[in-house]
Amino acid sequence: MTAAVEDALRRLEATVALLEAAVARRLDAERSRGDLEAELDLMQQDRARLAAELDGTRVRLSEAEATVEEVERRLGQAIGTVEGVLTRGEPAGRAGE
Protein backbone atom coordinates (compact mmCIF):
# COMPACT_ATOMS: atom_id res chain seq x y z
CA MET A 1 0.00 0.00 0.00
CA THR A 2 1.22 3.45 -0.72
CA ALA A 3 1.82 6.03 1.97
CA ALA A 4 -1.00 8.18 0.63
CA VAL A 5 -3.50 5.31 0.93
CA GLU A 6 -2.27 4.45 4.43
CA ASP A 7 -2.58 8.11 5.45
CA ALA A 8 -6.10 8.23 3.98
CA LEU A 9 -7.06 5.06 5.88
CA ARG A 10 -5.75 6.50 9.18
CA ARG A 11 -7.72 9.67 8.62
CA LEU A 12 -10.80 7.63 7.72
CA GLU A 13 -10.42 5.50 10.86
CA ALA A 14 -10.00 8.63 13.01
CA THR A 15 -13.05 10.18 11.40
CA VAL A 16 -15.09 7.01 11.92
CA ALA A 17 -13.98 6.92 15.58
CA LEU A 18 -15.10 10.54 16.01
CA LEU A 19 -18.40 9.73 14.34
CA GLU A 20 -18.93 6.69 16.60
CA ALA A 21 -18.18 8.83 19.67
CA ALA A 22 -20.65 11.48 18.47
CA VAL A 23 -23.32 8.83 17.88
CA ALA A 24 -22.69 7.36 21.35
CA ARG A 25 -23.02 10.81 22.93
CA ARG A 26 -26.23 11.42 20.99
CA LEU A 27 -27.69 8.07 22.08
CA ASP A 28 -26.76 8.81 25.71
CA ALA A 29 -28.40 12.22 25.44
CA GLU A 30 -31.57 10.67 23.99
CA ARG A 31 -31.59 8.00 26.70
CA SER A 32 -31.11 10.67 29.36
CA ARG A 33 -33.90 12.71 27.81
CA GLY A 34 -36.16 9.68 27.91
CA ASP A 35 -35.20 9.11 31.54
CA LEU A 36 -35.96 12.75 32.34
CA GLU A 37 -39.31 12.56 30.58
CA ALA A 38 -40.20 9.41 32.52
CA GLU A 39 -39.13 11.07 35.76
CA LEU A 40 -41.17 14.17 34.91
CA ASP A 41 -44.20 11.98 34.19
CA LEU A 42 -43.80 10.26 37.58
CA MET A 43 -43.48 13.64 39.29
CA GLN A 44 -46.65 14.87 37.59
CA GLN A 45 -48.49 11.73 38.68
CA ASP A 46 -47.23 12.25 42.25
CA ARG A 47 -48.33 15.88 42.13
CA ALA A 48 -51.82 14.89 40.97
CA ARG A 49 -52.06 12.25 43.71
CA LEU A 50 -50.85 14.69 46.37
CA ALA A 51 -53.29 17.35 45.15
CA ALA A 52 -56.16 14.86 45.44
CA GLU A 53 -55.00 13.87 48.93
CA LEU A 54 -54.77 17.53 49.91
CA ASP A 55 -58.30 18.17 48.67
CA GLY A 56 -59.55 15.20 50.70
CA THR A 57 -57.70 16.42 53.76
CA ARG A 58 -59.21 19.88 53.37
CA VAL A 59 -62.69 18.36 53.24
CA ARG A 60 -62.02 16.30 56.38
CA LEU A 61 -60.58 19.38 58.13
CA SER A 62 -63.68 21.37 57.25
CA GLU A 63 -65.88 18.58 58.60
CA ALA A 64 -63.80 18.38 61.78
CA GLU A 65 -64.05 22.16 62.27
CA ALA A 66 -67.83 21.99 61.86
CA THR A 67 -67.96 19.16 64.41
CA VAL A 68 -65.83 21.17 66.86
CA GLU A 69 -68.14 24.16 66.47
CA GLU A 70 -71.19 21.96 67.13
CA VAL A 71 -69.52 20.41 70.20
CA GLU A 72 -68.62 23.89 71.50
CA ARG A 73 -72.21 25.04 71.00
CA ARG A 74 -73.66 22.01 72.78
CA LEU A 75 -71.08 22.26 75.57
CA GLY A 76 -72.00 25.93 76.05
CA GLN A 77 -75.66 24.97 76.29
CA ALA A 78 -74.86 22.22 78.79
CA ILE A 79 -72.78 24.62 80.89
CA GLY A 80 -75.61 27.15 80.79
CA THR A 81 -78.10 24.51 81.87
CA VAL A 82 -75.89 23.32 84.75
CA GLU A 83 -75.25 26.90 85.89
CA GLY A 84 -79.01 27.59 85.76
CA VAL A 85 -79.77 24.53 87.85
CA LEU A 86 -77.04 25.41 90.35
CA THR A 87 -78.21 29.01 90.60
CA ARG A 88 -81.80 27.99 91.23
CA GLY A 89 -80.70 25.42 93.81
CA GLU A 90 -78.67 27.89 95.92
CA PRO A 91 -80.23 29.43 99.02
CA ALA A 92 -81.30 33.07 98.64
CA GLY A 93 -78.45 35.53 99.01
CA ARG A 94 -75.77 33.03 98.04
CA ALA A 95 -76.23 33.33 94.29
CA GLY A 96 -73.36 35.16 92.73
CA GLU A 97 -70.91 34.67 95.62
C-alpha atoms as a PDB file:
ATOM      1  CA  MET A   1       0.000   0.000   0.000  1.00  0.00           C
ATOM      2  CA  THR A   2       1.217   3.448  -0.718  1.00  0.00           C
ATOM      3  CA  ALA A   3       1.823   6.030   1.969  1.00  0.00           C
ATOM      4  CA  ALA A   4      -1.000   8.178   0.631  1.00  0.00           C
ATOM      5  CA  VAL A   5      -3.498   5.310   0.926  1.00  0.00           C
ATOM      6  CA  GLU A   6      -2.267   4.454   4.428  1.00  0.00           C
ATOM      7  CA  ASP A   7      -2.582   8.110   5.450  1.00  0.00           C
ATOM      8  CA  ALA A   8      -6.098   8.231   3.982  1.00  0.00           C
ATOM      9  CA  LEU A   9      -7.058   5.058   5.881  1.00  0.00           C
ATOM     10  CA  ARG A  10      -5.753   6.497   9.182  1.00  0.00           C
ATOM     11  CA  ARG A  11      -7.721   9.670   8.623  1.00  0.00           C
ATOM     12  CA  LEU A  12     -10.798   7.628   7.725  1.00  0.00           C
ATOM     13  CA  GLU A  13     -10.417   5.497  10.861  1.00  0.00           C
ATOM     14  CA  ALA A  14      -9.997   8.631  13.006  1.00  0.00           C
ATOM     15  CA  THR A  15     -13.054  10.183  11.400  1.00  0.00           C
ATOM     16  CA  VAL A  16     -15.094   7.008  11.924  1.00  0.00           C
ATOM     17  CA  ALA A  17     -13.981   6.916  15.581  1.00  0.00           C
ATOM     18  CA  LEU A  18     -15.103  10.543  16.011  1.00  0.00           C
ATOM     19  CA  LEU A  19     -18.404   9.727  14.340  1.00  0.00           C
ATOM     20  CA  GLU A  20     -18.934   6.694  16.599  1.00  0.00           C
ATOM     21  CA  ALA A  21     -18.184   8.828  19.667  1.00  0.00           C
ATOM     22  CA  ALA A  22     -20.649  11.478  18.471  1.00  0.00           C
ATOM     23  CA  VAL A  23     -23.320   8.829  17.880  1.00  0.00           C
ATOM     24  CA  ALA A  24     -22.691   7.360  21.348  1.00  0.00           C
ATOM     25  CA  ARG A  25     -23.024  10.809  22.928  1.00  0.00           C
ATOM     26  CA  ARG A  26     -26.226  11.421  20.988  1.00  0.00           C
ATOM     27  CA  LEU A  27     -27.687   8.072  22.082  1.00  0.00           C
ATOM     28  CA  ASP A  28     -26.757   8.808  25.708  1.00  0.00           C
ATOM     29  CA  ALA A  29     -28.402  12.215  25.441  1.00  0.00           C
ATOM     30  CA  GLU A  30     -31.573  10.675  23.989  1.00  0.00           C
ATOM     31  CA  ARG A  31     -31.586   8.003  26.696  1.00  0.00           C
ATOM     32  CA  SER A  32     -31.110  10.669  29.356  1.00  0.00           C
ATOM     33  CA  ARG A  33     -33.901  12.712  27.810  1.00  0.00           C
ATOM     34  CA  GLY A  34     -36.158   9.675  27.913  1.00  0.00           C
ATOM     35  CA  ASP A  35     -35.205   9.110  31.539  1.00  0.00           C
ATOM     36  CA  LEU A  36     -35.958  12.752  32.340  1.00  0.00           C
ATOM     37  CA  GLU A  37     -39.311  12.564  30.581  1.00  0.00           C
ATOM     38  CA  ALA A  38     -40.198   9.408  32.519  1.00  0.00           C
ATOM     39  CA  GLU A  39     -39.132  11.069  35.763  1.00  0.00           C
ATOM     40  CA  LEU A  40     -41.174  14.170  34.909  1.00  0.00           C
ATOM     41  CA  ASP A  41     -44.196  11.975  34.188  1.00  0.00           C
ATOM     42  CA  LEU A  42     -43.798  10.264  37.577  1.00  0.00           C
ATOM     43  CA  MET A  43     -43.478  13.636  39.292  1.00  0.00           C
ATOM     44  CA  GLN A  44     -46.650  14.868  37.585  1.00  0.00           C
ATOM     45  CA  GLN A  45     -48.493  11.729  38.681  1.00  0.00           C
ATOM     46  CA  ASP A  46     -47.233  12.249  42.246  1.00  0.00           C
ATOM     47  CA  ARG A  47     -48.331  15.882  42.129  1.00  0.00           C
ATOM     48  CA  ALA A  48     -51.820  14.895  40.972  1.00  0.00           C
ATOM     49  CA  ARG A  49     -52.058  12.250  43.706  1.00  0.00           C
ATOM     50  CA  LEU A  50     -50.853  14.691  46.371  1.00  0.00           C
ATOM     51  CA  ALA A  51     -53.293  17.352  45.152  1.00  0.00           C
ATOM     52  CA  ALA A  52     -56.163  14.862  45.443  1.00  0.00           C
ATOM     53  CA  GLU A  53     -55.003  13.866  48.935  1.00  0.00           C
ATOM     54  CA  LEU A  54     -54.767  17.534  49.915  1.00  0.00           C
ATOM     55  CA  ASP A  55     -58.301  18.169  48.666  1.00  0.00           C
ATOM     56  CA  GLY A  56     -59.551  15.203  50.696  1.00  0.00           C
ATOM     57  CA  THR A  57     -57.697  16.421  53.758  1.00  0.00           C
ATOM     58  CA  ARG A  58     -59.211  19.881  53.368  1.00  0.00           C
ATOM     59  CA  VAL A  59     -62.695  18.355  53.240  1.00  0.00           C
ATOM     60  CA  ARG A  60     -62.015  16.297  56.381  1.00  0.00           C
ATOM     61  CA  LEU A  61     -60.576  19.376  58.127  1.00  0.00           C
ATOM     62  CA  SER A  62     -63.683  21.373  57.249  1.00  0.00           C
ATOM     63  CA  GLU A  63     -65.880  18.582  58.597  1.00  0.00           C
ATOM     64  CA  ALA A  64     -63.798  18.380  61.781  1.00  0.00           C
ATOM     65  CA  GLU A  65     -64.045  22.161  62.267  1.00  0.00           C
ATOM     66  CA  ALA A  66     -67.826  21.986  61.858  1.00  0.00           C
ATOM     67  CA  THR A  67     -67.964  19.163  64.413  1.00  0.00           C
ATOM     68  CA  VAL A  68     -65.828  21.168  66.864  1.00  0.00           C
ATOM     69  CA  GLU A  69     -68.144  24.163  66.473  1.00  0.00           C
ATOM     70  CA  GLU A  70     -71.188  21.960  67.130  1.00  0.00           C
ATOM     71  CA  VAL A  71     -69.525  20.410  70.204  1.00  0.00           C
ATOM     72  CA  GLU A  72     -68.618  23.886  71.496  1.00  0.00           C
ATOM     73  CA  ARG A  73     -72.211  25.035  70.996  1.00  0.00           C
ATOM     74  CA  ARG A  74     -73.655  22.015  72.783  1.00  0.00           C
ATOM     75  CA  LEU A  75     -71.076  22.260  75.570  1.00  0.00           C
ATOM     76  CA  GLY A  76     -71.995  25.926  76.047  1.00  0.00           C
ATOM     77  CA  GLN A  77     -75.656  24.968  76.294  1.00  0.00           C
ATOM     78  CA  ALA A  78     -74.855  22.222  78.793  1.00  0.00           C
ATOM     79  CA  ILE A  79     -72.777  24.619  80.893  1.00  0.00           C
ATOM     80  CA  GLY A  80     -75.606  27.148  80.793  1.00  0.00           C
ATOM     81  CA  THR A  81     -78.096  24.510  81.873  1.00  0.00           C
ATOM     82  CA  VAL A  82     -75.893  23.319  84.750  1.00  0.00           C
ATOM     83  CA  GLU A  83     -75.252  26.902  85.888  1.00  0.00           C
ATOM     84  CA  GLY A  84     -79.011  27.591  85.758  1.00  0.00           C
ATOM     85  CA  VAL A  85     -79.774  24.525  87.853  1.00  0.00           C
ATOM     86  CA  LEU A  86     -77.043  25.405  90.354  1.00  0.00           C
ATOM     87  CA  THR A  87     -78.208  29.007  90.598  1.00  0.00           C
ATOM     88  CA  ARG A  88     -81.804  27.992  91.230  1.00  0.00           C
ATOM     89  CA  GLY A  89     -80.701  25.425  93.809  1.00  0.00           C
ATOM     90  CA  GLU A  90     -78.673  27.891  95.922  1.00  0.00           C
ATOM     91  CA  PRO A  91     -80.233  29.435  99.021  1.00  0.00           C
ATOM     92  CA  ALA A  92     -81.299  33.072  98.641  1.00  0.00           C
ATOM     93  CA  GLY A  93     -78.448  35.532  99.010  1.00  0.00           C
ATOM     94  CA  ARG A  94     -75.766  33.035  98.044  1.00  0.00           C
ATOM     95  CA  ALA A  95     -76.226  33.329  94.289  1.00  0.00           C
ATOM     96  CA  GLY A  96     -73.358  35.158  92.733  1.00  0.00           C
ATOM     97  CA  GLU A  97     -70.911  34.669  95.615  1.00  0.00           C
END
